[in-house]
Structures are given as structure tokens and as C-alpha cells.
C-alpha atoms as a PDB file:
ATOM      1  CA  MET A   1      15.773 -19.760 -17.709  1.00  0.00           C
ATOM      2  CA  SER A   2      19.282 -20.658 -16.548  1.00  0.00           C
ATOM      3  CA  GLU A   3      19.990 -23.016 -13.669  1.00  0.00           C
ATOM      4  CA  ALA A   4      21.299 -20.152 -11.532  1.00  0.00           C
ATOM      5  CA  THR A   5      18.126 -18.157 -12.120  1.00  0.00           C
ATOM      6  CA  GLY A   6      16.023 -21.210 -11.266  1.00  0.00           C
ATOM      7  CA  ARG A   7      17.896 -21.669  -8.010  1.00  0.00           C
ATOM      8  CA  ARG A   8      17.422 -18.020  -7.081  1.00  0.00           C
ATOM      9  CA  LEU A   9      13.708 -18.134  -7.880  1.00  0.00           C
ATOM     10  CA  THR A  10      13.210 -21.355  -5.919  1.00  0.00           C
ATOM     11  CA  GLY A  11      15.219 -20.056  -2.978  1.00  0.00           C
ATOM     12  CA  ALA A  12      13.504 -16.669  -2.914  1.00  0.00           C
ATOM     13  CA  ALA A  13      10.057 -18.282  -3.004  1.00  0.00           C
ATOM     14  CA  GLY A  14      11.002 -20.627  -0.162  1.00  0.00           C
ATOM     15  CA  ILE A  15      12.342 -17.756   1.931  1.00  0.00           C
ATOM     16  CA  ALA A  16       9.230 -15.634   1.302  1.00  0.00           C
ATOM     17  CA  ALA A  17       6.900 -18.504   2.232  1.00  0.00           C
ATOM     18  CA  ALA A  18       8.899 -19.233   5.378  1.00  0.00           C
ATOM     19  CA  VAL A  19       8.973 -15.599   6.546  1.00  0.00           C
ATOM     20  CA  ALA A  20       5.209 -15.287   6.094  1.00  0.00           C
ATOM     21  CA  LEU A  21       4.639 -18.506   8.060  1.00  0.00           C
ATOM     22  CA  ILE A  22       6.996 -17.365  10.824  1.00  0.00           C
ATOM     23  CA  VAL A  23       5.002 -14.135  11.162  1.00  0.00           C
ATOM     24  CA  GLU A  24       1.666 -15.974  11.052  1.00  0.00           C
ATOM     25  CA  VAL A  25       2.151 -18.693  13.683  1.00  0.00           C
ATOM     26  CA  PRO A  26       2.664 -16.426  16.766  1.00  0.00           C
ATOM     27  CA  LEU A  27      -0.638 -14.666  16.021  1.00  0.00           C
ATOM     28  CA  TYR A  28      -2.428 -17.867  17.114  1.00  0.00           C
ATOM     29  CA  PHE A  29      -1.096 -17.418  20.669  1.00  0.00           C
ATOM     30  CA  VAL A  30      -1.766 -13.720  21.289  1.00  0.00           C
ATOM     31  CA  TYR A  31      -5.167 -14.249  22.968  1.00  0.00           C
ATOM     32  CA  SER A  32      -6.132 -16.898  25.510  1.00  0.00           C
ATOM     33  CA  GLY A  33      -9.827 -16.815  24.575  1.00  0.00           C
ATOM     34  CA  PRO A  34     -11.680 -16.144  21.327  1.00  0.00           C
ATOM     35  CA  PRO A  35      -9.518 -13.652  19.400  1.00  0.00           C
ATOM     36  CA  PRO A  36     -10.956 -10.528  17.756  1.00  0.00           C
ATOM     37  CA  ASP A  37     -11.877 -10.816  14.095  1.00  0.00           C
ATOM     38  CA  ALA A  38      -8.946  -8.602  13.095  1.00  0.00           C
ATOM     39  CA  ASN A  39      -6.468 -11.063  14.567  1.00  0.00           C
ATOM     40  CA  VAL A  40      -8.010 -14.069  12.821  1.00  0.00           C
ATOM     41  CA  LEU A  41      -8.354 -12.382   9.444  1.00  0.00           C
ATOM     42  CA  ALA A  42      -4.833 -10.925   9.622  1.00  0.00           C
ATOM     43  CA  ARG A  43      -3.213 -14.284  10.299  1.00  0.00           C
ATOM     44  CA  LEU A  44      -5.296 -15.921   7.579  1.00  0.00           C
ATOM     45  CA  LEU A  45      -4.293 -13.238   5.069  1.00  0.00           C
ATOM     46  CA  ILE A  46      -0.622 -13.732   5.899  1.00  0.00           C
ATOM     47  CA  GLY A  47      -1.122 -17.485   5.582  1.00  0.00           C
ATOM     48  CA  ILE A  48      -2.700 -17.079   2.147  1.00  0.00           C
ATOM     49  CA  PHE A  49       0.376 -15.209   0.909  1.00  0.00           C
ATOM     50  CA  ALA A  50       2.628 -17.845   2.494  1.00  0.00           C
ATOM     51  CA  LEU A  51       0.850 -20.601   0.592  1.00  0.00           C
ATOM     52  CA  ALA A  52       1.024 -18.629  -2.653  1.00  0.00           C
ATOM     53  CA  PHE A  53       4.803 -18.441  -2.251  1.00  0.00           C
ATOM     54  CA  LEU A  54       4.864 -22.147  -1.368  1.00  0.00           C
ATOM     55  CA  ILE A  55       3.107 -22.936  -4.649  1.00  0.00           C
ATOM     56  CA  VAL A  56       5.820 -21.018  -6.513  1.00  0.00           C
ATOM     57  CA  PHE A  57       8.489 -22.841  -4.518  1.00  0.00           C
ATOM     58  CA  VAL A  58       7.318 -26.393  -5.211  1.00  0.00           C
ATOM     59  CA  THR A  59       6.684 -25.665  -8.883  1.00  0.00           C
ATOM     60  CA  SER A  60      10.078 -24.025  -9.465  1.00  0.00           C
ATOM     61  CA  PHE A  61      11.778 -26.819  -7.476  1.00  0.00           C
ATOM     62  CA  ARG A  62      10.371 -29.377  -9.912  1.00  0.00           C
ATOM     63  CA  GLU A  63      11.572 -27.324 -12.882  1.00  0.00           C
ATOM     64  CA  LEU A  64      15.008 -26.984 -11.299  1.00  0.00           C
ATOM     65  CA  VAL A  65      15.319 -30.743 -10.892  1.00  0.00           C
ATOM     66  CA  LYS A  66      14.161 -31.239 -14.490  1.00  0.00           C
ATOM     67  CA  ARG A  67      17.038 -29.048 -15.643  1.00  0.00           C
ATOM     68  CA  VAL A  68      19.705 -30.497 -13.337  1.00  0.00           C
ATOM     69  CA  ASN A  69      18.863 -34.207 -13.514  1.00  0.00           C
ATOM     70  CA  PRO A  70      15.827 -35.175 -15.628  1.00  0.00           C
ATOM     71  CA  ALA A  71      16.053 -38.810 -14.485  1.00  0.00           C
ATOM     72  CA  TYR A  72      14.591 -37.789 -11.107  1.00  0.00           C
ATOM     73  CA  GLU A  73      11.923 -35.462 -12.414  1.00  0.00           C
ATOM     74  CA  TRP A  74       9.286 -38.021 -11.401  1.00  0.00           C
ATOM     75  CA  VAL A  75      10.246 -37.755  -7.718  1.00  0.00           C
ATOM     76  CA  ALA A  76      10.286 -33.967  -7.953  1.00  0.00           C
ATOM     77  CA  SER A  77       6.836 -34.143  -9.567  1.00  0.00           C
ATOM     78  CA  LEU A  78       5.610 -36.162  -6.574  1.00  0.00           C
ATOM     79  CA  ALA A  79       7.012 -33.494  -4.234  1.00  0.00           C
ATOM     80  CA  CYS A  80       5.358 -30.791  -6.315  1.00  0.00           C
ATOM     81  CA  SER A  81       1.988 -32.586  -6.469  1.00  0.00           C
ATOM     82  CA  THR A  82       1.818 -33.243  -2.733  1.00  0.00           C
ATOM     83  CA  GLY A  83       3.015 -29.709  -1.993  1.00  0.00           C
ATOM     84  CA  LEU A  84       0.252 -28.305  -4.181  1.00  0.00           C
ATOM     85  CA  ALA A  85      -2.300 -30.606  -2.541  1.00  0.00           C
ATOM     86  CA  TYR A  86      -1.156 -29.437   0.905  1.00  0.00           C
ATOM     87  CA  ALA A  87      -1.455 -25.798  -0.145  1.00  0.00           C
ATOM     88  CA  THR A  88      -4.942 -26.424  -1.554  1.00  0.00           C
ATOM     89  CA  ILE A  89      -6.188 -28.222   1.561  1.00  0.00           C
ATOM     90  CA  THR A  90      -4.839 -25.475   3.805  1.00  0.00           C
ATOM     91  CA  LEU A  91      -6.375 -22.735   1.670  1.00  0.00           C
ATOM     92  CA  VAL A  92      -9.755 -24.481   1.918  1.00  0.00           C
ATOM     93  CA  SER A  93      -9.349 -24.623   5.701  1.00  0.00           C
ATOM     94  CA  MET A  94      -8.524 -20.931   5.803  1.00  0.00           C
ATOM     95  CA  GLY A  95     -11.571 -20.152   3.685  1.00  0.00           C
ATOM     96  CA  LEU A  96     -13.808 -22.038   6.124  1.00  0.00           C
ATOM     97  CA  GLU A  97     -12.313 -20.163   9.072  1.00  0.00           C
ATOM     98  CA  ALA A  98     -12.581 -16.750   7.428  1.00  0.00           C
ATOM     99  CA  GLY A  99     -16.161 -17.392   6.337  1.00  0.00           C
ATOM    100  CA  ALA A 100     -17.212 -18.401   9.840  1.00  0.00           C
ATOM    101  CA  VAL A 101     -15.552 -15.353  11.399  1.00  0.00           C
ATOM    102  CA  ILE A 102     -17.064 -12.925   8.893  1.00  0.00           C
ATOM    103  CA  ALA A 103     -20.556 -14.414   9.197  1.00  0.00           C
ATOM    104  CA  THR A 104     -20.637 -14.431  13.014  1.00  0.00           C
ATOM    105  CA  ASP A 105     -21.631 -11.296  14.914  1.00  0.00           C
ATOM    106  CA  HIS A 106     -19.427 -12.091  17.915  1.00  0.00           C
ATOM    107  CA  SER A 107     -15.838 -13.231  18.443  1.00  0.00           C
ATOM    108  CA  ILE A 108     -15.218 -16.955  17.965  1.00  0.00           C
ATOM    109  CA  ASP A 109     -12.149 -19.161  18.102  1.00  0.00           C
ATOM    110  CA  PRO A 110     -12.157 -20.821  14.671  1.00  0.00           C
ATOM    111  CA  THR A 111      -9.627 -23.429  15.779  1.00  0.00           C
ATOM    112  CA  ILE A 112     -12.429 -24.849  17.975  1.00  0.00           C
ATOM    113  CA  ASP A 113     -15.703 -23.622  16.507  1.00  0.00           C
ATOM    114  CA  VAL A 114     -15.117 -24.487  12.822  1.00  0.00           C
ATOM    115  CA  ASN A 115     -15.424 -28.263  12.930  1.00  0.00           C
ATOM    116  CA  GLY A 116     -14.584 -28.830   9.269  1.00  0.00           C
ATOM    117  CA  THR A 117     -10.978 -27.733   9.687  1.00  0.00           C
ATOM    118  CA  TYR A 118      -9.918 -30.220  12.377  1.00  0.00           C
ATOM    119  CA  ILE A 119      -8.852 -33.016  10.065  1.00  0.00           C
ATOM    120  CA  LEU A 120      -7.869 -30.721   7.192  1.00  0.00           C
ATOM    121  CA  TYR A 121      -5.306 -28.873   9.319  1.00  0.00           C
ATOM    122  CA  GLY A 122      -4.442 -32.020  11.248  1.00  0.00           C
ATOM    123  CA  SER A 123      -4.218 -35.568   9.920  1.00  0.00           C
ATOM    124  CA  ILE A 124      -4.713 -34.789   6.217  1.00  0.00           C
ATOM    125  CA  SER A 125      -2.133 -31.995   6.196  1.00  0.00           C
ATOM    126  CA  ARG A 126       0.329 -34.076   8.204  1.00  0.00           C
ATOM    127  CA  LEU A 127       0.097 -36.963   5.724  1.00  0.00           C
ATOM    128  CA  LEU A 128       0.488 -34.695   2.702  1.00  0.00           C
ATOM    129  CA  LEU A 129       3.460 -32.946   4.274  1.00  0.00           C
ATOM    130  CA  ALA A 130       5.066 -36.301   5.113  1.00  0.00           C
ATOM    131  CA  LEU A 131       4.809 -37.305   1.444  1.00  0.00           C
ATOM    132  CA  PHE A 132       6.084 -33.899   0.297  1.00  0.00           C
ATOM    133  CA  LEU A 133       9.071 -33.954   2.652  1.00  0.00           C
ATOM    134  CA  ALA A 134       9.976 -37.566   1.878  1.00  0.00           C
ATOM    135  CA  ALA A 135       9.841 -36.909  -1.877  1.00  0.00           C
ATOM    136  CA  THR A 136      11.833 -33.707  -1.498  1.00  0.00           C
ATOM    137  CA  GLY A 137      14.468 -35.482   0.579  1.00  0.00           C
ATOM    138  CA  ARG A 138      14.692 -38.301  -1.949  1.00  0.00           C
ATOM    139  CA  THR A 139      15.063 -35.849  -4.819  1.00  0.00           C
ATOM    140  CA  ILE A 140      17.832 -33.908  -3.104  1.00  0.00           C
ATOM    141  CA  ALA A 141      19.679 -37.064  -2.036  1.00  0.00           C
ATOM    142  CA  ARG A 142      19.670 -38.520  -5.554  1.00  0.00           C
ATOM    143  CA  THR A 143      20.436 -35.359  -7.507  1.00  0.00           C
ATOM    144  CA  ASN A 144      22.832 -33.667  -5.043  1.00  0.00           C
ATOM    145  CA  ILE A 145      21.374 -30.287  -5.968  1.00  0.00           C
ATOM    146  CA  LEU A 146      21.633 -29.160  -2.326  1.00  0.00           C
ATOM    147  CA  PRO A 147      23.742 -30.111   0.724  1.00  0.00           C
ATOM    148  CA  ARG A 148      23.083 -33.517   2.294  1.00  0.00           C
ATOM    149  CA  TRP A 149      21.695 -32.017   5.508  1.00  0.00           C
ATOM    150  CA  THR A 150      18.682 -30.736   3.587  1.00  0.00           C
ATOM    151  CA  ALA A 151      17.750 -34.277   2.516  1.00  0.00           C
ATOM    152  CA  ARG A 152      18.340 -35.771   5.956  1.00  0.00           C
ATOM    153  CA  SER A 153      16.311 -33.089   7.723  1.00  0.00           C
ATOM    154  CA  ALA A 154      13.485 -33.602   5.221  1.00  0.00           C
ATOM    155  CA  TYR A 155      13.377 -37.323   6.086  1.00  0.00           C
ATOM    156  CA  VAL A 156      13.296 -36.563   9.820  1.00  0.00           C
ATOM    157  CA  LEU A 157      10.454 -34.060   9.444  1.00  0.00           C
ATOM    158  CA  ALA A 158       8.559 -36.481   7.217  1.00  0.00           C
ATOM    159  CA  GLY A 159       8.676 -39.077  10.001  1.00  0.00           C
ATOM    160  CA  ILE A 160       7.524 -36.549  12.611  1.00  0.00           C
ATOM    161  CA  ASN A 161       4.583 -35.468  10.449  1.00  0.00           C
ATOM    162  CA  LEU A 162       3.626 -39.086   9.868  1.00  0.00           C
ATOM    163  CA  ALA A 163       3.568 -39.657  13.627  1.00  0.00           C
ATOM    164  CA  PHE A 164       0.836 -37.011  13.970  1.00  0.00           C
ATOM    165  CA  VAL A 165      -1.548 -38.576  11.438  1.00  0.00           C
ATOM    166  CA  PRO A 166      -3.412 -40.663  14.114  1.00  0.00           C
ATOM    167  CA  SER A 167      -4.114 -37.496  16.157  1.00  0.00           C
ATOM    168  CA  LEU A 168      -7.698 -37.458  14.836  1.00  0.00           C
ATOM    169  CA  PHE A 169      -8.550 -40.028  17.539  1.00  0.00           C
ATOM    170  CA  PHE A 170      -7.619 -37.666  20.395  1.00  0.00           C
ATOM    171  CA  GLY A 171     -10.323 -35.021  20.542  1.00  0.00           C
ATOM    172  CA  ASN A 172     -10.511 -31.398  19.494  1.00  0.00           C
ATOM    173  CA  ASN A 173      -8.994 -29.441  22.361  1.00  0.00           C
ATOM    174  CA  PRO A 174      -6.276 -27.188  20.889  1.00  0.00           C
ATOM    175  CA  ALA A 175      -4.681 -26.926  24.341  1.00  0.00           C
ATOM    176  CA  ASN A 176      -3.722 -30.605  24.070  1.00  0.00           C
ATOM    177  CA  PHE A 177      -0.487 -31.419  22.283  1.00  0.00           C
ATOM    178  CA  TYR A 178      -1.751 -34.440  20.324  1.00  0.00           C
ATOM    179  CA  ALA A 179      -5.407 -33.522  19.670  1.00  0.00           C
ATOM    180  CA  ALA A 180      -6.873 -33.401  16.157  1.00  0.00           C
ATOM    181  CA  ASN A 181      -6.346 -29.630  16.256  1.00  0.00           C
ATOM    182  CA  GLY A 182      -3.817 -29.611  19.107  1.00  0.00           C
ATOM    183  CA  TRP A 183      -0.942 -27.174  19.358  1.00  0.00           C
ATOM    184  CA  GLY A 184       1.516 -29.946  18.590  1.00  0.00           C
ATOM    185  CA  THR A 185      -0.407 -31.289  15.619  1.00  0.00           C
ATOM    186  CA  THR A 186      -0.979 -27.932  13.961  1.00  0.00           C
ATOM    187  CA  ALA A 187       0.892 -24.885  15.309  1.00  0.00           C
ATOM    188  CA  SER A 188       4.123 -26.609  16.314  1.00  0.00           C
ATOM    189  CA  MET A 189       4.378 -28.554  13.081  1.00  0.00           C
ATOM    190  CA  GLY A 190       3.681 -25.377  11.137  1.00  0.00           C
ATOM    191  CA  ALA A 191       6.447 -23.550  13.001  1.00  0.00           C
ATOM    192  CA  ILE A 192       8.947 -26.354  12.401  1.00  0.00           C
ATOM    193  CA  LEU A 193       8.056 -26.438   8.715  1.00  0.00           C
ATOM    194  CA  SER A 194       8.542 -22.666   8.398  1.00  0.00           C
ATOM    195  CA  TYR A 195      12.068 -22.694   9.854  1.00  0.00           C
ATOM    196  CA  TRP A 196      13.057 -25.738   7.788  1.00  0.00           C
ATOM    197  CA  LEU A 197      11.703 -24.036   4.677  1.00  0.00           C
ATOM    198  CA  LEU A 198      13.637 -20.879   5.551  1.00  0.00           C
ATOM    199  CA  ALA A 199      16.891 -22.843   5.845  1.00  0.00           C
ATOM    200  CA  LEU A 200      16.146 -24.724   2.617  1.00  0.00           C
ATOM    201  CA  GLY A 201      15.309 -21.503   0.771  1.00  0.00           C
ATOM    202  CA  ILE A 202      18.526 -19.815   1.909  1.00  0.00           C
ATOM    203  CA  SER A 203      20.587 -22.866   0.941  1.00  0.00           C
ATOM    204  CA  THR A 204      18.937 -23.009  -2.488  1.00  0.00           C
ATOM    205  CA  TYR A 205      19.408 -19.299  -3.135  1.00  0.00           C
ATOM    206  CA  ARG A 206      23.049 -19.356  -2.083  1.00  0.00           C
ATOM    207  CA  SER A 207      23.740 -22.379  -4.269  1.00  0.00           C
ATOM    208  CA  ALA A 208      23.148 -20.224  -7.353  1.00  0.00           C
ATOM    209  CA  SER A 209      26.426 -18.375  -6.762  1.00  0.00           C
ATOM    210  CA  LYS A 210      28.352 -21.673  -6.901  1.00  0.00           C
ATOM    211  CA  ARG A 211      27.138 -22.514 -10.413  1.00  0.00           C
END
């Protein structure tokens, strides 16, 4: 596979993951109370596809770095490993939510009623994303495979995610910004990640035409 093809594949996967995440996040705010099962299962299905595209993105990003500058493959491997771990943790969380919704004969709000997802979506995911973003930023900065703004923005987002790791001490009310499952800790960070990933995917895809 040529470098240009690798850039297009990486960029397309990033764009696809970002678009799916952008569609998914607003579905969490459609209903003020327990949402109907269709809403929960639809957003989880979209999220599953988003994470599948994310897996393709982080894997192809590592292979792209290996081709462009093998000396920094180890940093790209760290980004890939933490990205895969994040995707796995989130998929487990989605499985717990979907199982609870399917098994219950009345509408529930899985962001509150499924206790096992609080820390998975919150502190654990924030730490894994901080590592992923920091490693991605380091890789880009050292290899110059993308514009400098992509590395700098990755560092900033890594710091923001790291700041949310202690949120597990602040309860489980999703209406609170800094709760374990709060709208700042989970939904807002997910939205920010999706738009950053969209910009990164577009930049990566467009870079193929310059090679």
C-alpha cells in the first residue's frame, strides 16, 4: 500500500468515525426522562459503528507512521494501543447498557441505572483518551506527517481529558457537569473528540494529494 493510499484510508476512517459520533451524541439529549428503548439502542448501534471506524483509524495511523518515519513507530504503537483499549472499554460499556435495556420491561435511563458504566465511560475512558491524544500529538510533532495544529490540539485535548479523571469522586448525577457520568465528563468530551477527529481525518485525507 502506498503512502497516499494509507493517508486516504486513515483520513476516511477518521471522518467516518467522527460523523457517526456527531450523529450519536445529540441522541442523549432528546428526552428529559428515561428515553424509549428505540432511542437508546439506536444511539448505541451508531456508537458501535463509530468505534469500528475508530479501530481502523488508529491501526492505519500506526501503519502510516511506520511507512513515513519508522523511528517513531513506537509512539504510534502507543497511540494505537490506547486507542484500541478505549474502543474496547467503550464497547463493553455499550454492551452493558444495551443488555440492561433489552432485559427490562420498562423504559430506563442507562446513564443512571447501569452502575457498571459510570467509571468505564468516565475516568477510565478519560485516562485512555489522554494517553491516546498525547501519543498521537507526539507522533505528529516528531514526524511532521500532518500540520502542526493537529499536534498542538491533541496535547490540549489530552490535558482536558486528564482533568476529568478525578470525576469519579463527584457522584453519579448526569445533570452535573463534573460527575462520574456527568454531561461534561462524558457527552461533552465525546462531542469535542468527534469534531477534533473530523478535522484530523479531513487533514489526513487531504494530505494524500500533496504526496
